[in-house]
PDB file of N, CA and C in Angstrom:
ATOM      1  N   MET A   1     -12.207   7.247   3.702  1.00  0.00           N
ATOM      2  CA  MET A   1     -11.882   7.708   5.016  1.00  0.00           C
ATOM      3  C   MET A   1     -11.889   9.238   5.009  1.00  0.00           C
ATOM      4  N   PRO A   2     -12.869   9.869   5.654  1.00  0.00           N
ATOM      5  CA  PRO A   2     -12.866  11.326   5.709  1.00  0.00           C
ATOM      6  C   PRO A   2     -11.842  11.843   6.715  1.00  0.00           C
ATOM      7  N   ILE A   3     -11.239  12.953   6.343  1.00  0.00           N
ATOM      8  CA  ILE A   3     -10.323  13.660   7.234  1.00  0.00           C
ATOM      9  C   ILE A   3     -10.875  15.069   7.390  1.00  0.00           C
ATOM     10  N   VAL A   4     -11.159  15.459   8.612  1.00  0.00           N
ATOM     11  CA  VAL A   4     -11.697  16.774   8.911  1.00  0.00           C
ATOM     12  C   VAL A   4     -10.594  17.578   9.586  1.00  0.00           C
ATOM     13  N   THR A   5     -10.321  18.772   9.071  1.00  0.00           N
ATOM     14  CA  THR A   5      -9.323  19.640   9.674  1.00  0.00           C
ATOM     15  C   THR A   5     -10.033  20.820  10.318  1.00  0.00           C
ATOM     16  N   VAL A   6      -9.737  21.046  11.591  1.00  0.00           N
ATOM     17  CA  VAL A   6     -10.305  22.155  12.337  1.00  0.00           C
ATOM     18  C   VAL A   6      -9.181  23.122  12.655  1.00  0.00           C
ATOM     19  N   GLN A   7      -9.355  24.373  12.253  1.00  0.00           N
ATOM     20  CA  GLN A   7      -8.386  25.406  12.594  1.00  0.00           C
ATOM     21  C   GLN A   7      -9.060  26.317  13.603  1.00  0.00           C
ATOM     22  N   GLN A   8      -8.413  26.499  14.744  1.00  0.00           N
ATOM     23  CA  GLN A   8      -9.019  27.275  15.819  1.00  0.00           C
ATOM     24  C   GLN A   8      -7.938  27.782  16.752  1.00  0.00           C
ATOM     25  N   GLY A   9      -8.348  28.649  17.644  1.00  0.00           N
ATOM     26  CA  GLY A   9      -7.466  29.077  18.727  1.00  0.00           C
ATOM     27  C   GLY A   9      -7.365  27.959  19.746  1.00  0.00           C
ATOM     28  N   PRO A  10      -6.393  28.063  20.631  1.00  0.00           N
ATOM     29  CA  PRO A  10      -6.214  27.021  21.656  1.00  0.00           C
ATOM     30  C   PRO A  10      -7.463  26.823  22.514  1.00  0.00           C
ATOM     31  N   ARG A  11      -7.775  25.574  22.790  1.00  0.00           N
ATOM     32  CA  ARG A  11      -8.908  25.198  23.635  1.00  0.00           C
ATOM     33  C   ARG A  11      -8.442  24.122  24.615  1.00  0.00           C
ATOM     34  N   SER A  12      -9.218  23.898  25.645  1.00  0.00           N
ATOM     35  CA  SER A  12      -8.870  22.872  26.635  1.00  0.00           C
ATOM     36  C   SER A  12      -9.016  21.479  26.027  1.00  0.00           C
ATOM     37  N   ILE A  13      -8.355  20.520  26.632  1.00  0.00           N
ATOM     38  CA  ILE A  13      -8.440  19.129  26.169  1.00  0.00           C
ATOM     39  C   ILE A  13      -9.873  18.616  26.262  1.00  0.00           C
ATOM     40  N   GLU A  14     -10.623  19.049  27.275  1.00  0.00           N
ATOM     41  CA  GLU A  14     -12.010  18.610  27.421  1.00  0.00           C
ATOM     42  C   GLU A  14     -12.859  19.084  26.238  1.00  0.00           C
ATOM     43  N   LEU A  15     -12.679  20.349  25.843  1.00  0.00           N
ATOM     44  CA  LEU A  15     -13.439  20.870  24.706  1.00  0.00           C
ATOM     45  C   LEU A  15     -13.042  20.178  23.404  1.00  0.00           C
ATOM     46  N   LYS A  16     -11.756  19.862  23.259  1.00  0.00           N
ATOM     47  CA  LYS A  16     -11.319  19.161  22.045  1.00  0.00           C
ATOM     48  C   LYS A  16     -11.887  17.743  22.000  1.00  0.00           C
ATOM     49  N   ARG A  17     -11.959  17.078  23.138  1.00  0.00           N
ATOM     50  CA  ARG A  17     -12.571  15.738  23.167  1.00  0.00           C
ATOM     51  C   ARG A  17     -14.035  15.801  22.719  1.00  0.00           C
ATOM     52  N   GLU A  18     -14.754  16.780  23.247  1.00  0.00           N
ATOM     53  CA  GLU A  18     -16.163  16.956  22.872  1.00  0.00           C
ATOM     54  C   GLU A  18     -16.301  17.265  21.383  1.00  0.00           C
ATOM     55  N   LEU A  19     -15.452  18.132  20.884  1.00  0.00           N
ATOM     56  CA  LEU A  19     -15.494  18.516  19.474  1.00  0.00           C
ATOM     57  C   LEU A  19     -15.277  17.319  18.558  1.00  0.00           C
ATOM     58  N   VAL A  20     -14.218  16.537  18.811  1.00  0.00           N
ATOM     59  CA  VAL A  20     -13.941  15.410  17.918  1.00  0.00           C
ATOM     60  C   VAL A  20     -15.016  14.332  18.021  1.00  0.00           C
ATOM     61  N   ALA A  21     -15.596  14.161  19.200  1.00  0.00           N
ATOM     62  CA  ALA A  21     -16.685  13.186  19.339  1.00  0.00           C
ATOM     63  C   ALA A  21     -17.897  13.620  18.517  1.00  0.00           C
ATOM     64  N   ARG A  22     -18.246  14.894  18.581  1.00  0.00           N
ATOM     65  CA  ARG A  22     -19.418  15.376  17.835  1.00  0.00           C
ATOM     66  C   ARG A  22     -19.186  15.370  16.327  1.00  0.00           C
ATOM     67  N   ILE A  23     -17.986  15.739  15.909  1.00  0.00           N
ATOM     68  CA  ILE A  23     -17.677  15.695  14.474  1.00  0.00           C
ATOM     69  C   ILE A  23     -17.751  14.254  13.978  1.00  0.00           C
ATOM     70  N   THR A  24     -17.158  13.344  14.720  1.00  0.00           N
ATOM     71  CA  THR A  24     -17.188  11.932  14.334  1.00  0.00           C
ATOM     72  C   THR A  24     -18.627  11.427  14.263  1.00  0.00           C
ATOM     73  N   ASP A  25     -19.431  11.740  15.270  1.00  0.00           N
ATOM     74  CA  ASP A  25     -20.839  11.322  15.274  1.00  0.00           C
ATOM     75  C   ASP A  25     -21.594  11.869  14.071  1.00  0.00           C
ATOM     76  N   ALA A  26     -21.302  13.097  13.675  1.00  0.00           N
ATOM     77  CA  ALA A  26     -21.979  13.684  12.517  1.00  0.00           C
ATOM     78  C   ALA A  26     -21.687  12.899  11.244  1.00  0.00           C
ATOM     79  N   PHE A  27     -20.447  12.484  11.063  1.00  0.00           N
ATOM     80  CA  PHE A  27     -20.096  11.695   9.880  1.00  0.00           C
ATOM     81  C   PHE A  27     -20.710  10.300   9.945  1.00  0.00           C
ATOM     82  N   VAL A  28     -20.688   9.709  11.123  1.00  0.00           N
ATOM     83  CA  VAL A  28     -21.278   8.372  11.289  1.00  0.00           C
ATOM     84  C   VAL A  28     -22.777   8.429  10.984  1.00  0.00           C
ATOM     85  N   ASP A  29     -23.470   9.410  11.547  1.00  0.00           N
ATOM     86  CA  ASP A  29     -24.919   9.529  11.361  1.00  0.00           C
ATOM     87  C   ASP A  29     -25.303   9.901   9.935  1.00  0.00           C
ATOM     88  N   THR A  30     -24.573  10.843   9.353  1.00  0.00           N
ATOM     89  CA  THR A  30     -24.945  11.364   8.036  1.00  0.00           C
ATOM     90  C   THR A  30     -24.511  10.461   6.889  1.00  0.00           C
ATOM     91  N   LEU A  31     -23.289   9.965   6.952  1.00  0.00           N
ATOM     92  CA  LEU A  31     -22.746   9.185   5.842  1.00  0.00           C
ATOM     93  C   LEU A  31     -22.726   7.686   6.099  1.00  0.00           C
ATOM     94  N   GLN A  32     -23.209   7.282   7.289  1.00  0.00           N
ATOM     95  CA  GLN A  32     -23.261   5.862   7.647  1.00  0.00           C
ATOM     96  C   GLN A  32     -21.877   5.207   7.555  1.00  0.00           C
ATOM     97  N   LEU A  33     -20.887   5.896   8.105  1.00  0.00           N
ATOM     98  CA  LEU A  33     -19.519   5.384   8.103  1.00  0.00           C
ATOM     99  C   LEU A  33     -19.170   4.813   9.467  1.00  0.00           C
ATOM    100  N   PRO A  34     -18.271   3.850   9.528  1.00  0.00           N
ATOM    101  CA  PRO A  34     -17.775   3.404  10.825  1.00  0.00           C
ATOM    102  C   PRO A  34     -16.942   4.529  11.469  1.00  0.00           C
ATOM    103  N   ALA A  35     -17.094   4.717  12.760  1.00  0.00           N
ATOM    104  CA  ALA A  35     -16.360   5.770  13.461  1.00  0.00           C
ATOM    105  C   ALA A  35     -14.849   5.632  13.264  1.00  0.00           C
ATOM    106  N   GLU A  36     -14.375   4.417  13.136  1.00  0.00           N
ATOM    107  CA  GLU A  36     -12.939   4.173  12.985  1.00  0.00           C
ATOM    108  C   GLU A  36     -12.356   4.790  11.714  1.00  0.00           C
ATOM    109  N   THR A  37     -13.212   5.115  10.751  1.00  0.00           N
ATOM    110  CA  THR A  37     -12.714   5.677   9.490  1.00  0.00           C
ATOM    111  C   THR A  37     -12.638   7.199   9.503  1.00  0.00           C
ATOM    112  N   VAL A  38     -13.174   7.830  10.524  1.00  0.00           N
ATOM    113  CA  VAL A  38     -13.213   9.298  10.587  1.00  0.00           C
ATOM    114  C   VAL A  38     -11.992   9.801  11.350  1.00  0.00           C
ATOM    115  N   GLN A  39     -11.236  10.679  10.703  1.00  0.00           N
ATOM    116  CA  GLN A  39     -10.078  11.293  11.342  1.00  0.00           C
ATOM    117  C   GLN A  39     -10.340  12.783  11.496  1.00  0.00           C
ATOM    118  N   VAL A  40      -9.994  13.325  12.643  1.00  0.00           N
ATOM    119  CA  VAL A  40     -10.139  14.757  12.894  1.00  0.00           C
ATOM    120  C   VAL A  40      -8.772  15.301  13.295  1.00  0.00           C
ATOM    121  N   TRP A  41      -8.337  16.297  12.558  1.00  0.00           N
ATOM    122  CA  TRP A  41      -7.061  16.937  12.851  1.00  0.00           C
ATOM    123  C   TRP A  41      -7.358  18.330  13.374  1.00  0.00           C
ATOM    124  N   ILE A  42      -6.805  18.665  14.526  1.00  0.00           N
ATOM    125  CA  ILE A  42      -6.991  19.990  15.105  1.00  0.00           C
ATOM    126  C   ILE A  42      -5.686  20.764  14.974  1.00  0.00           C
ATOM    127  N   HIS A  43      -5.792  21.881  14.291  1.00  0.00           N
ATOM    128  CA  HIS A  43      -4.636  22.762  14.127  1.00  0.00           C
ATOM    129  C   HIS A  43      -4.927  24.015  14.939  1.00  0.00           C
ATOM    130  N   GLU A  44      -4.218  24.176  16.040  1.00  0.00           N
ATOM    131  CA  GLU A  44      -4.437  25.329  16.904  1.00  0.00           C
ATOM    132  C   GLU A  44      -3.488  26.467  16.528  1.00  0.00           C
ATOM    133  N   VAL A  45      -4.078  27.637  16.368  1.00  0.00           N
ATOM    134  CA  VAL A  45      -3.324  28.825  15.989  1.00  0.00           C
ATOM    135  C   VAL A  45      -3.318  29.783  17.176  1.00  0.00           C
ATOM    136  N   PRO A  46      -2.150  30.194  17.635  1.00  0.00           N
ATOM    137  CA  PRO A  46      -2.092  31.138  18.752  1.00  0.00           C
ATOM    138  C   PRO A  46      -2.761  32.467  18.394  1.00  0.00           C
ATOM    139  N   ALA A  47      -3.299  33.135  19.402  1.00  0.00           N
ATOM    140  CA  ALA A  47      -4.018  34.397  19.189  1.00  0.00           C
ATOM    141  C   ALA A  47      -3.139  35.470  18.551  1.00  0.00           C
ATOM    142  N   ASP A  48      -1.822  35.385  18.739  1.00  0.00           N
ATOM    143  CA  ASP A  48      -0.946  36.385  18.123  1.00  0.00           C
ATOM    144  C   ASP A  48      -0.543  36.022  16.699  1.00  0.00           C
ATOM    145  N   SER A  49      -1.094  34.927  16.178  1.00  0.00           N
ATOM    146  CA  SER A  49      -0.814  34.513  14.799  1.00  0.00           C
ATOM    147  C   SER A  49      -2.085  34.436  13.963  1.00  0.00           C
ATOM    148  N   TRP A  50      -3.149  35.086  14.423  1.00  0.00           N
ATOM    149  CA  TRP A  50      -4.445  35.023  13.764  1.00  0.00           C
ATOM    150  C   TRP A  50      -5.035  36.424  13.774  1.00  0.00           C
ATOM    151  N   ALA A  51      -5.537  36.865  12.640  1.00  0.00           N
ATOM    152  CA  ALA A  51      -6.110  38.206  12.558  1.00  0.00           C
ATOM    153  C   ALA A  51      -7.431  38.186  11.811  1.00  0.00           C
ATOM    154  N   SER A  52      -8.251  39.162  12.134  1.00  0.00           N
ATOM    155  CA  SER A  52      -9.522  39.364  11.447  1.00  0.00           C
ATOM    156  C   SER A  52      -9.775  40.867  11.385  1.00  0.00           C
ATOM    157  N   ALA A  53     -10.212  41.313  10.238  1.00  0.00           N
ATOM    158  CA  ALA A  53     -10.512  42.738  10.036  1.00  0.00           C
ATOM    159  C   ALA A  53      -9.311  43.626  10.375  1.00  0.00           C
ATOM    160  N   GLY A  54      -8.124  43.150  10.066  1.00  0.00           N
ATOM    161  CA  GLY A  54      -6.927  43.935  10.251  1.00  0.00           C
ATOM    162  C   GLY A  54      -6.391  43.998  11.673  1.00  0.00           C
ATOM    163  N   LYS A  55      -6.933  43.179  12.569  1.00  0.00           N
ATOM    164  CA  LYS A  55      -6.477  43.191  13.966  1.00  0.00           C
ATOM    165  C   LYS A  55      -6.154  41.796  14.433  1.00  0.00           C
ATOM    166  N   LEU A  56      -5.047  41.641  15.157  1.00  0.00           N
ATOM    167  CA  LEU A  56      -4.713  40.352  15.741  1.00  0.00           C
ATOM    168  C   LEU A  56      -5.771  39.989  16.774  1.00  0.00           C
ATOM    169  N   THR A  57      -6.090  38.703  16.830  1.00  0.00           N
ATOM    170  CA  THR A  57      -7.042  38.229  17.817  1.00  0.00           C
ATOM    171  C   THR A  57      -6.543  38.534  19.226  1.00  0.00           C
ATOM    172  N   ALA A  58      -5.244  38.494  19.440  1.00  0.00           N
ATOM    173  CA  ALA A  58      -4.664  38.780  20.749  1.00  0.00           C
ATOM    174  C   ALA A  58      -4.926  40.223  21.197  1.00  0.00           C
ATOM    175  N   ASP A  59      -5.161  41.119  20.250  1.00  0.00           N
ATOM    176  CA  ASP A  59      -5.384  42.532  20.579  1.00  0.00           C
ATOM    177  C   ASP A  59      -6.855  42.867  20.824  1.00  0.00           C
ATOM    178  N   ARG A  60      -7.713  41.900  20.731  1.00  0.00           N
ATOM    179  CA  ARG A  60      -9.146  42.172  20.926  1.00  0.00           C
ATOM    180  C   ARG A  60      -9.535  42.058  22.353  1.00  0.00           C
TER     181      ARG A  60
END
């Protein structure tokens, strides 16, 4: 049973539905697994808790 963890900034429920459907389809197509065995965990990180190149994402 694969478990995929996605770390990202907050997104709408519609975008998350699309994301998990596409990730699941990729595993089903590539590894020939039943969709029921694919788990996707979304960990959303607020913009004020994420930084790149020394700057908070919230400050960009």
